[in-house]
Amino acid sequence: MPEEDLKMRIKQMLVSSLMLKISPESIGDETALFQPEGLALDSIDALELAVAIDKNFGVATPSAEVARKAFVNVTTIANYISEQKATA
């Protein structure tokens, strides 16, 4: 899957899974997901995000440490999904 398509799917998943009141297009690839100046998601959102990534992309998130590194922004999530698919 081309990287841009993957990123748009991730943005759509973020909006639908986390019931965000914004459009997928308004989320930048580098927008911080868990920072106040970004989307200001919380730990419950992080759990829902891990479940959504598993359900939508078949990629599990084995630990909070992995999640902290992978769930920084849309780009890092896309890279994580691509890496996991490549090694699967």
PDB file of N, CA and C in Angstrom:
ATOM      1  N   MET A   1       0.854  -1.181   0.000  1.00  0.00           N
ATOM      2  CA  MET A   1       0.000   0.000   0.000  1.00  0.00           C
ATOM      3  C   MET A   1       0.897   1.240   0.000  1.00  0.00           C
ATOM      4  N   PRO A   2       0.608   2.183  -0.909  1.00  0.00           N
ATOM      5  CA  PRO A   2       1.418   3.418  -0.913  1.00  0.00           C
ATOM      6  C   PRO A   2       1.324   4.136   0.431  1.00  0.00           C
ATOM      7  N   GLU A   3       2.422   4.799   0.798  1.00  0.00           N
ATOM      8  CA  GLU A   3       2.504   5.434   2.122  1.00  0.00           C
ATOM      9  C   GLU A   3       1.396   6.470   2.339  1.00  0.00           C
ATOM     10  N   GLU A   4       1.078   7.257   1.297  1.00  0.00           N
ATOM     11  CA  GLU A   4       0.028   8.278   1.459  1.00  0.00           C
ATOM     12  C   GLU A   4      -1.328   7.636   1.737  1.00  0.00           C
ATOM     13  N   ASP A   5      -1.625   6.521   1.067  1.00  0.00           N
ATOM     14  CA  ASP A   5      -2.884   5.802   1.307  1.00  0.00           C
ATOM     15  C   ASP A   5      -2.926   5.281   2.740  1.00  0.00           C
ATOM     16  N   LEU A   6      -1.801   4.732   3.182  1.00  0.00           N
ATOM     17  CA  LEU A   6      -1.716   4.207   4.546  1.00  0.00           C
ATOM     18  C   LEU A   6      -1.958   5.328   5.551  1.00  0.00           C
ATOM     19  N   LYS A   7      -1.332   6.477   5.338  1.00  0.00           N
ATOM     20  CA  LYS A   7      -1.503   7.601   6.266  1.00  0.00           C
ATOM     21  C   LYS A   7      -2.957   8.070   6.293  1.00  0.00           C
ATOM     22  N   MET A   8      -3.621   8.124   5.123  1.00  0.00           N
ATOM     23  CA  MET A   8      -5.017   8.555   5.101  1.00  0.00           C
ATOM     24  C   MET A   8      -5.889   7.529   5.825  1.00  0.00           C
ATOM     25  N   ARG A   9      -5.616   6.259   5.646  1.00  0.00           N
ATOM     26  CA  ARG A   9      -6.376   5.219   6.371  1.00  0.00           C
ATOM     27  C   ARG A   9      -6.184   5.356   7.876  1.00  0.00           C
ATOM     28  N   ILE A  10      -4.963   5.678   8.294  1.00  0.00           N
ATOM     29  CA  ILE A  10      -4.684   5.869   9.724  1.00  0.00           C
ATOM     30  C   ILE A  10      -5.480   7.071  10.246  1.00  0.00           C
ATOM     31  N   LYS A  11      -5.490   8.165   9.485  1.00  0.00           N
ATOM     32  CA  LYS A  11      -6.230   9.366   9.908  1.00  0.00           C
ATOM     33  C   LYS A  11      -7.731   9.060  10.011  1.00  0.00           C
ATOM     34  N   GLN A  12      -8.260   8.339   9.031  1.00  0.00           N
ATOM     35  CA  GLN A  12      -9.679   7.978   9.072  1.00  0.00           C
ATOM     36  C   GLN A  12      -9.963   7.090  10.279  1.00  0.00           C
ATOM     37  N   MET A  13      -9.055   6.149  10.563  1.00  0.00           N
ATOM     38  CA  MET A  13      -9.204   5.264  11.716  1.00  0.00           C
ATOM     39  C   MET A  13      -9.154   6.060  13.016  1.00  0.00           C
ATOM     40  N   LEU A  14      -8.239   7.036  13.118  1.00  0.00           N
ATOM     41  CA  LEU A  14      -8.147   7.876  14.315  1.00  0.00           C
ATOM     42  C   LEU A  14      -9.477   8.580  14.574  1.00  0.00           C
ATOM     43  N   VAL A  15     -10.033   9.192  13.529  1.00  0.00           N
ATOM     44  CA  VAL A  15     -11.274   9.954  13.686  1.00  0.00           C
ATOM     45  C   VAL A  15     -12.432   9.036  14.062  1.00  0.00           C
ATOM     46  N   SER A  16     -12.557   7.897  13.364  1.00  0.00           N
ATOM     47  CA  SER A  16     -13.704   7.019  13.642  1.00  0.00           C
ATOM     48  C   SER A  16     -13.539   6.246  14.946  1.00  0.00           C
ATOM     49  N   SER A  17     -12.356   5.712  15.212  1.00  0.00           N
ATOM     50  CA  SER A  17     -12.147   4.899  16.415  1.00  0.00           C
ATOM     51  C   SER A  17     -12.198   5.735  17.686  1.00  0.00           C
ATOM     52  N   LEU A  18     -11.684   6.963  17.614  1.00  0.00           N
ATOM     53  CA  LEU A  18     -11.594   7.803  18.808  1.00  0.00           C
ATOM     54  C   LEU A  18     -12.693   8.863  18.843  1.00  0.00           C
ATOM     55  N   MET A  19     -13.612   8.789  17.855  1.00  0.00           N
ATOM     56  CA  MET A  19     -14.742   9.716  17.775  1.00  0.00           C
ATOM     57  C   MET A  19     -14.281  11.174  17.884  1.00  0.00           C
ATOM     58  N   LEU A  20     -13.243  11.491  17.114  1.00  0.00           N
ATOM     59  CA  LEU A  20     -12.721  12.858  17.110  1.00  0.00           C
ATOM     60  C   LEU A  20     -13.676  13.756  16.328  1.00  0.00           C
ATOM     61  N   LYS A  21     -13.799  14.986  16.761  1.00  0.00           N
ATOM     62  CA  LYS A  21     -14.724  15.923  16.135  1.00  0.00           C
ATOM     63  C   LYS A  21     -14.000  16.779  15.093  1.00  0.00           C
ATOM     64  N   ILE A  22     -13.137  16.128  14.309  1.00  0.00           N
ATOM     65  CA  ILE A  22     -12.398  16.812  13.253  1.00  0.00           C
ATOM     66  C   ILE A  22     -12.404  15.916  12.019  1.00  0.00           C
ATOM     67  N   SER A  23     -12.022  16.462  10.883  1.00  0.00           N
ATOM     68  CA  SER A  23     -11.959  15.650   9.669  1.00  0.00           C
ATOM     69  C   SER A  23     -10.588  14.988   9.585  1.00  0.00           C
ATOM     70  N   PRO A  24     -10.525  13.798   8.954  1.00  0.00           N
ATOM     71  CA  PRO A  24      -9.221  13.133   8.796  1.00  0.00           C
ATOM     72  C   PRO A  24      -8.212  14.040   8.084  1.00  0.00           C
ATOM     73  N   GLU A  25      -8.701  14.834   7.124  1.00  0.00           N
ATOM     74  CA  GLU A  25      -7.808  15.700   6.350  1.00  0.00           C
ATOM     75  C   GLU A  25      -7.176  16.798   7.202  1.00  0.00           C
ATOM     76  N   SER A  26      -7.797  17.123   8.332  1.00  0.00           N
ATOM     77  CA  SER A  26      -7.258  18.198   9.172  1.00  0.00           C
ATOM     78  C   SER A  26      -6.128  17.717  10.086  1.00  0.00           C
ATOM     79  N   ILE A  27      -5.861  16.415  10.097  1.00  0.00           N
ATOM     80  CA  ILE A  27      -4.767  15.871  10.914  1.00  0.00           C
ATOM     81  C   ILE A  27      -3.505  15.843  10.053  1.00  0.00           C
ATOM     82  N   GLY A  28      -2.486  16.561  10.488  1.00  0.00           N
ATOM     83  CA  GLY A  28      -1.224  16.551   9.743  1.00  0.00           C
ATOM     84  C   GLY A  28      -0.448  15.270  10.008  1.00  0.00           C
ATOM     85  N   ASP A  29       0.403  14.892   9.067  1.00  0.00           N
ATOM     86  CA  ASP A  29       1.218  13.680   9.237  1.00  0.00           C
ATOM     87  C   ASP A  29       2.092  13.765  10.478  1.00  0.00           C
ATOM     88  N   GLU A  30       2.506  14.978  10.822  1.00  0.00           N
ATOM     89  CA  GLU A  30       3.414  15.176  11.956  1.00  0.00           C
ATOM     90  C   GLU A  30       2.699  15.745  13.188  1.00  0.00           C
ATOM     91  N   THR A  31       1.377  15.847  13.165  1.00  0.00           N
ATOM     92  CA  THR A  31       0.637  16.371  14.321  1.00  0.00           C
ATOM     93  C   THR A  31       0.850  15.447  15.515  1.00  0.00           C
ATOM     94  N   ALA A  32       1.286  16.017  16.628  1.00  0.00           N
ATOM     95  CA  ALA A  32       1.513  15.220  17.842  1.00  0.00           C
ATOM     96  C   ALA A  32       0.174  14.705  18.358  1.00  0.00           C
ATOM     97  N   LEU A  33       0.089  13.392  18.568  1.00  0.00           N
ATOM     98  CA  LEU A  33      -1.186  12.799  18.986  1.00  0.00           C
ATOM     99  C   LEU A  33      -1.466  13.024  20.470  1.00  0.00           C
ATOM    100  N   PHE A  34      -0.430  12.971  21.307  1.00  0.00           N
ATOM    101  CA  PHE A  34      -0.646  12.989  22.752  1.00  0.00           C
ATOM    102  C   PHE A  34      -0.173  14.277  23.419  1.00  0.00           C
ATOM    103  N   GLN A  35       0.177  15.291  22.632  1.00  0.00           N
ATOM    104  CA  GLN A  35       0.624  16.562  23.189  1.00  0.00           C
ATOM    105  C   GLN A  35      -0.530  17.557  23.198  1.00  0.00           C
ATOM    106  N   PRO A  36      -0.574  18.444  24.181  1.00  0.00           N
ATOM    107  CA  PRO A  36      -1.661  19.429  24.255  1.00  0.00           C
ATOM    108  C   PRO A  36      -1.775  20.281  22.996  1.00  0.00           C
ATOM    109  N   GLU A  37      -0.621  20.578  22.361  1.00  0.00           N
ATOM    110  CA  GLU A  37      -0.676  21.409  21.155  1.00  0.00           C
ATOM    111  C   GLU A  37      -1.086  20.590  19.924  1.00  0.00           C
ATOM    112  N   GLY A  38      -1.172  19.284  20.075  1.00  0.00           N
ATOM    113  CA  GLY A  38      -1.617  18.426  18.979  1.00  0.00           C
ATOM    114  C   GLY A  38      -3.057  18.004  19.203  1.00  0.00           C
ATOM    115  N   LEU A  39      -3.313  16.701  19.156  1.00  0.00           N
ATOM    116  CA  LEU A  39      -4.679  16.193  19.348  1.00  0.00           C
ATOM    117  C   LEU A  39      -5.026  15.994  20.818  1.00  0.00           C
ATOM    118  N   ALA A  40      -4.016  16.049  21.701  1.00  0.00           N
ATOM    119  CA  ALA A  40      -4.232  15.924  23.153  1.00  0.00           C
ATOM    120  C   ALA A  40      -4.970  14.643  23.527  1.00  0.00           C
ATOM    121  N   LEU A  41      -4.577  13.528  22.903  1.00  0.00           N
ATOM    122  CA  LEU A  41      -5.178  12.240  23.246  1.00  0.00           C
ATOM    123  C   LEU A  41      -4.682  11.827  24.632  1.00  0.00           C
ATOM    124  N   ASP A  42      -5.400  10.881  25.265  1.00  0.00           N
ATOM    125  CA  ASP A  42      -5.006  10.417  26.597  1.00  0.00           C
ATOM    126  C   ASP A  42      -4.725   8.911  26.582  1.00  0.00           C
ATOM    127  N   SER A  43      -4.482   8.346  27.755  1.00  0.00           N
ATOM    128  CA  SER A  43      -4.095   6.932  27.837  1.00  0.00           C
ATOM    129  C   SER A  43      -5.210   6.002  27.382  1.00  0.00           C
ATOM    130  N   ILE A  44      -6.457   6.381  27.599  1.00  0.00           N
ATOM    131  CA  ILE A  44      -7.571   5.552  27.128  1.00  0.00           C
ATOM    132  C   ILE A  44      -7.598   5.563  25.604  1.00  0.00           C
ATOM    133  N   ASP A  45      -7.349   6.736  25.014  1.00  0.00           N
ATOM    134  CA  ASP A  45      -7.253   6.822  23.554  1.00  0.00           C
ATOM    135  C   ASP A  45      -6.126   5.923  23.038  1.00  0.00           C
ATOM    136  N   ALA A  46      -5.024   5.869  23.778  1.00  0.00           N
ATOM    137  CA  ALA A  46      -3.882   5.038  23.362  1.00  0.00           C
ATOM    138  C   ALA A  46      -4.293   3.572  23.296  1.00  0.00           C
ATOM    139  N   LEU A  47      -5.041   3.104  24.292  1.00  0.00           N
ATOM    140  CA  LEU A  47      -5.514   1.717  24.283  1.00  0.00           C
ATOM    141  C   LEU A  47      -6.444   1.476  23.104  1.00  0.00           C
ATOM    142  N   GLU A  48      -7.380   2.410  22.876  1.00  0.00           N
ATOM    143  CA  GLU A  48      -8.303   2.269  21.756  1.00  0.00           C
ATOM    144  C   GLU A  48      -7.557   2.299  20.427  1.00  0.00           C
ATOM    145  N   LEU A  49      -6.519   3.123  20.353  1.00  0.00           N
ATOM    146  CA  LEU A  49      -5.710   3.209  19.148  1.00  0.00           C
ATOM    147  C   LEU A  49      -5.000   1.881  18.875  1.00  0.00           C
ATOM    148  N   ALA A  50      -4.445   1.269  19.913  1.00  0.00           N
ATOM    149  CA  ALA A  50      -3.770  -0.026  19.754  1.00  0.00           C
ATOM    150  C   ALA A  50      -4.749  -1.085  19.248  1.00  0.00           C
ATOM    151  N   VAL A  51      -5.961  -1.096  19.813  1.00  0.00           N
ATOM    152  CA  VAL A  51      -6.985  -2.055  19.382  1.00  0.00           C
ATOM    153  C   VAL A  51      -7.376  -1.785  17.932  1.00  0.00           C
ATOM    154  N   ALA A  52      -7.562  -0.515  17.582  1.00  0.00           N
ATOM    155  CA  ALA A  52      -7.967  -0.142  16.223  1.00  0.00           C
ATOM    156  C   ALA A  52      -6.896  -0.517  15.200  1.00  0.00           C
ATOM    157  N   ILE A  53      -5.626  -0.328  15.552  1.00  0.00           N
ATOM    158  CA  ILE A  53      -4.535  -0.684  14.627  1.00  0.00           C
ATOM    159  C   ILE A  53      -4.508  -2.195  14.410  1.00  0.00           C
ATOM    160  N   ASP A  54      -4.721  -2.941  15.477  1.00  0.00           N
ATOM    161  CA  ASP A  54      -4.769  -4.399  15.362  1.00  0.00           C
ATOM    162  C   ASP A  54      -5.943  -4.815  14.471  1.00  0.00           C
ATOM    163  N   LYS A  55      -7.109  -4.231  14.711  1.00  0.00           N
ATOM    164  CA  LYS A  55      -8.314  -4.594  13.968  1.00  0.00           C
ATOM    165  C   LYS A  55      -8.224  -4.174  12.502  1.00  0.00           C
ATOM    166  N   ASN A  56      -7.729  -2.964  12.242  1.00  0.00           N
ATOM    167  CA  ASN A  56      -7.701  -2.425  10.884  1.00  0.00           C
ATOM    168  C   ASN A  56      -6.510  -2.891  10.054  1.00  0.00           C
ATOM    169  N   PHE A  57      -5.380  -3.120  10.704  1.00  0.00           N
ATOM    170  CA  PHE A  57      -4.155  -3.423   9.962  1.00  0.00           C
ATOM    171  C   PHE A  57      -3.529  -4.766  10.337  1.00  0.00           C
ATOM    172  N   GLY A  58      -4.093  -5.443  11.347  1.00  0.00           N
ATOM    173  CA  GLY A  58      -3.545  -6.732  11.761  1.00  0.00           C
ATOM    174  C   GLY A  58      -2.177  -6.620  12.400  1.00  0.00           C
ATOM    175  N   VAL A  59      -1.911  -5.474  13.035  1.00  0.00           N
ATOM    176  CA  VAL A  59      -0.615  -5.245  13.669  1.00  0.00           C
ATOM    177  C   VAL A  59      -0.843  -5.028  15.160  1.00  0.00           C
ATOM    178  N   ALA A  60      -0.269  -5.908  15.973  1.00  0.00           N
ATOM    179  CA  ALA A  60      -0.420  -5.803  17.422  1.00  0.00           C
ATOM    180  C   ALA A  60       0.625  -4.854  17.994  1.00  0.00           C
ATOM    181  N   THR A  61       0.302  -4.273  19.136  1.00  0.00           N
ATOM    182  CA  THR A  61       1.236  -3.410  19.865  1.00  0.00           C
ATOM    183  C   THR A  61       1.546  -4.126  21.175  1.00  0.00           C
ATOM    184  N   PRO A  62       2.746  -4.731  21.275  1.00  0.00           N
ATOM    185  CA  PRO A  62       3.040  -5.622  22.395  1.00  0.00           C
ATOM    186  C   PRO A  62       3.216  -4.965  23.755  1.00  0.00           C
ATOM    187  N   SER A  63       3.556  -3.671  23.798  1.00  0.00           N
ATOM    188  CA  SER A  63       3.806  -3.055  25.105  1.00  0.00           C
ATOM    189  C   SER A  63       3.591  -1.549  25.054  1.00  0.00           C
ATOM    190  N   ALA A  64       3.478  -0.952  26.237  1.00  0.00           N
ATOM    191  CA  ALA A  64       3.323   0.504  26.330  1.00  0.00           C
ATOM    192  C   ALA A  64       4.564   1.209  25.783  1.00  0.00           C
ATOM    193  N   GLU A  65       5.717   0.594  25.987  1.00  0.00           N
ATOM    194  CA  GLU A  65       6.950   1.208  25.481  1.00  0.00           C
ATOM    195  C   GLU A  65       6.947   1.283  23.957  1.00  0.00           C
ATOM    196  N   VAL A  66       6.518   0.204  23.315  1.00  0.00           N
ATOM    197  CA  VAL A  66       6.403   0.197  21.856  1.00  0.00           C
ATOM    198  C   VAL A  66       5.389   1.255  21.423  1.00  0.00           C
ATOM    199  N   ALA A  67       4.263   1.317  22.126  1.00  0.00           N
ATOM    200  CA  ALA A  67       3.214   2.284  21.789  1.00  0.00           C
ATOM    201  C   ALA A  67       3.737   3.712  21.903  1.00  0.00           C
ATOM    202  N   ARG A  68       4.503   3.998  22.945  1.00  0.00           N
ATOM    203  CA  ARG A  68       5.035   5.362  23.130  1.00  0.00           C
ATOM    204  C   ARG A  68       5.893   5.792  21.951  1.00  0.00           C
ATOM    205  N   LYS A  69       6.668   4.847  21.403  1.00  0.00           N
ATOM    206  CA  LYS A  69       7.529   5.171  20.262  1.00  0.00           C
ATOM    207  C   LYS A  69       6.732   5.215  18.958  1.00  0.00           C
ATOM    208  N   ALA A  70       5.763   4.314  18.822  1.00  0.00           N
ATOM    209  CA  ALA A  70       5.037   4.190  17.556  1.00  0.00           C
ATOM    210  C   ALA A  70       3.905   5.191  17.400  1.00  0.00           C
ATOM    211  N   PHE A  71       3.312   5.613  18.502  1.00  0.00           N
ATOM    212  CA  PHE A  71       2.105   6.446  18.421  1.00  0.00           C
ATOM    213  C   PHE A  71       2.388   7.938  18.622  1.00  0.00           C
ATOM    214  N   VAL A  72       3.511   8.421  18.102  1.00  0.00           N
ATOM    215  CA  VAL A  72       3.851   9.841  18.252  1.00  0.00           C
ATOM    216  C   VAL A  72       2.991  10.693  17.319  1.00  0.00           C
ATOM    217  N   ASN A  73       2.900  10.259  16.058  1.00  0.00           N
ATOM    218  CA  ASN A  73       2.107  10.968  15.053  1.00  0.00           C
ATOM    219  C   ASN A  73       1.726   9.981  13.946  1.00  0.00           C
ATOM    220  N   VAL A  74       1.039  10.461  12.938  1.00  0.00           N
ATOM    221  CA  VAL A  74       0.583   9.577  11.855  1.00  0.00           C
ATOM    222  C   VAL A  74       1.765   8.940  11.138  1.00  0.00           C
ATOM    223  N   THR A  75       2.825   9.691  10.926  1.00  0.00           N
ATOM    224  CA  THR A  75       4.006   9.165  10.239  1.00  0.00           C
ATOM    225  C   THR A  75       4.625   8.004  11.020  1.00  0.00           C
ATOM    226  N   THR A  76       4.760   8.154  12.344  1.00  0.00           N
ATOM    227  CA  THR A  76       5.383   7.076  13.135  1.00  0.00           C
ATOM    228  C   THR A  76       4.479   5.841  13.180  1.00  0.00           C
ATOM    229  N   ILE A  77       3.160   6.058  13.183  1.00  0.00           N
ATOM    230  CA  ILE A  77       2.237   4.907  13.142  1.00  0.00           C
ATOM    231  C   ILE A  77       2.375   4.197  11.793  1.00  0.00           C
ATOM    232  N   ALA A  78       2.416   4.959  10.718  1.00  0.00           N
ATOM    233  CA  ALA A  78       2.565   4.367   9.378  1.00  0.00           C
ATOM    234  C   ALA A  78       3.862   3.574   9.276  1.00  0.00           C
ATOM    235  N   ASN A  79       4.951   4.147   9.808  1.00  0.00           N
ATOM    236  CA  ASN A  79       6.240   3.446   9.783  1.00  0.00           C
ATOM    237  C   ASN A  79       6.171   2.154  10.587  1.00  0.00           C
ATOM    238  N   TYR A  80       5.527   2.219  11.764  1.00  0.00           N
ATOM    239  CA  TYR A  80       5.402   1.032  12.619  1.00  0.00           C
ATOM    240  C   TYR A  80       4.611  -0.067  11.901  1.00  0.00           C
ATOM    241  N   ILE A  81       3.483   0.304  11.303  1.00  0.00           N
ATOM    242  CA  ILE A  81       2.656  -0.681  10.586  1.00  0.00           C
ATOM    243  C   ILE A  81       3.459  -1.284   9.437  1.00  0.00           C
ATOM    244  N   SER A  82       4.142  -0.440   8.675  1.00  0.00           N
ATOM    245  CA  SER A  82       4.945  -0.925   7.525  1.00  0.00           C
ATOM    246  C   SER A  82       6.043  -1.868   7.988  1.00  0.00           C
ATOM    247  N   GLU A  83       6.740  -1.512   9.072  1.00  0.00           N
ATOM    248  CA  GLU A  83       7.812  -2.364   9.600  1.00  0.00           C
ATOM    249  C   GLU A  83       7.266  -3.714  10.051  1.00  0.00           C
ATOM    250  N   GLN A  84       6.133  -3.692  10.763  1.00  0.00           N
ATOM    251  CA  GLN A  84       5.560  -4.946  11.265  1.00  0.00           C
ATOM    252  C   GLN A  84       5.077  -5.826  10.122  1.00  0.00           C
ATOM    253  N   LYS A  85       4.488  -5.217   9.100  1.00  0.00           N
ATOM    254  CA  LYS A  85       4.024  -5.988   7.943  1.00  0.00           C
ATOM    255  C   LYS A  85       5.203  -6.587   7.194  1.00  0.00           C
ATOM    256  N   ALA A  86       6.316  -5.841   7.140  1.00  0.00           N
ATOM    257  CA  ALA A  86       7.499  -6.309   6.418  1.00  0.00           C
ATOM    258  C   ALA A  86       8.131  -7.511   7.111  1.00  0.00           C
ATOM    259  N   THR A  87       8.054  -7.549   8.448  1.00  0.00           N
ATOM    260  CA  THR A  87       8.689  -8.653   9.175  1.00  0.00           C
ATOM    261  C   THR A  87       7.735  -9.809   9.429  1.00  0.00           C
ATOM    262  N   ALA A  88       6.466  -9.608   9.097  1.00  0.00           N
ATOM    263  CA  ALA A  88       5.459 -10.665   9.363  1.00  0.00           C
ATOM    264  C   ALA A  88       5.597 -11.806   8.374  1.00  0.00           C
TER     265      ALA A  88
END
